[in-house]
């Protein structure tokens, strides 16, 4: 599992700008996509995973700065 980093985000809990982090789950999503044909599409609902941006300090949700 890799990690993406994006600047220009703000954490309301920490009350400061942060460089947000997000896990990629690339291997899991690749397997779910490849197994879609064999399982008639059921692996996309169960196996595919999306992650949201979070604060690297407190783990809370972040928003884009304006």
Protein backbone atom coordinates (compact mmCIF):
# COMPACT_ATOMS: atom_id res chain seq x y z
CA UNK A 1 0.00 0.00 0.00
CA UNK A 2 1.41 3.35 -1.03
CA UNK A 3 0.73 6.83 0.23
CA UNK A 4 -0.11 9.95 -1.75
CA UNK A 5 0.53 13.44 -0.36
CA UNK A 6 -1.28 16.62 -1.39
CA UNK A 7 -0.56 20.13 -0.19
CA UNK A 8 -3.00 23.01 0.07
CA UNK A 9 -5.27 21.28 2.60
CA UNK A 10 -6.52 22.49 5.99
CA UNK A 11 -7.28 20.44 9.13
CA UNK A 12 -10.09 21.86 11.27
CA UNK A 13 -9.07 19.77 14.30
CA UNK A 14 -5.46 20.98 14.29
CA UNK A 15 -6.51 24.46 13.03
CA UNK A 16 -3.59 24.69 10.61
CA UNK A 17 -2.67 24.00 6.97
CA UNK A 18 -1.31 20.51 6.38
CA UNK A 19 -0.07 18.28 3.57
CA UNK A 20 -2.85 15.68 3.54
CA UNK A 21 -2.19 11.96 3.10
CA UNK A 22 -4.18 9.21 1.40
CA UNK A 23 -3.54 5.48 1.05
CA UNK A 24 -3.62 4.15 -2.51
CA UNK A 25 -4.73 0.49 -2.12
CA UNK A 26 -3.39 -0.04 -5.63
CA UNK A 27 -2.82 -3.81 -5.32
CA UNK A 28 -6.27 -4.45 -3.84
CA UNK A 29 -8.03 -2.39 -6.52
CA UNK A 30 -6.04 -4.05 -9.32
CA UNK A 31 -7.08 -7.49 -8.09
CA UNK A 32 -10.73 -6.41 -7.75
CA UNK A 33 -10.73 -5.04 -11.29
CA UNK A 34 -9.09 -8.18 -12.70
CA UNK A 35 -11.51 -10.51 -10.91
CA UNK A 36 -14.58 -8.60 -12.10
CA UNK A 37 -15.06 -10.79 -15.17
CA UNK A 38 -14.73 -14.02 -13.20
CA UNK A 39 -17.15 -12.97 -10.47
CA UNK A 40 -19.73 -11.22 -12.68
CA UNK A 41 -18.95 -7.79 -11.21
CA UNK A 42 -19.33 -8.67 -7.53
CA UNK A 43 -15.70 -7.89 -6.59
CA UNK A 44 -16.01 -4.21 -7.45
CA UNK A 45 -18.60 -3.64 -4.74
CA UNK A 46 -16.71 -5.64 -2.13
CA UNK A 47 -13.05 -5.48 -3.18
CA UNK A 48 -12.58 -1.98 -4.61
CA UNK A 49 -11.56 0.53 -1.99
CA UNK A 50 -11.35 4.30 -2.02
CA UNK A 51 -9.58 6.30 0.64
CA UNK A 52 -10.17 9.87 1.69
CA UNK A 53 -7.62 12.58 2.44
CA UNK A 54 -6.70 12.82 6.13
CA UNK A 55 -4.44 14.86 8.41
CA UNK A 56 -1.00 13.26 9.01
CA UNK A 57 -0.94 14.54 12.61
CA UNK A 58 -4.40 13.75 14.06
CA UNK A 59 -5.88 11.49 11.35
CA UNK A 60 -8.98 13.68 11.00
CA UNK A 61 -10.63 14.77 7.74
CA UNK A 62 -9.23 17.74 5.83
CA UNK A 63 -10.65 20.31 3.41
CA UNK A 64 -9.07 22.26 0.55
CA UNK A 65 -7.83 25.72 1.39
CA UNK A 66 -9.37 28.59 -0.52
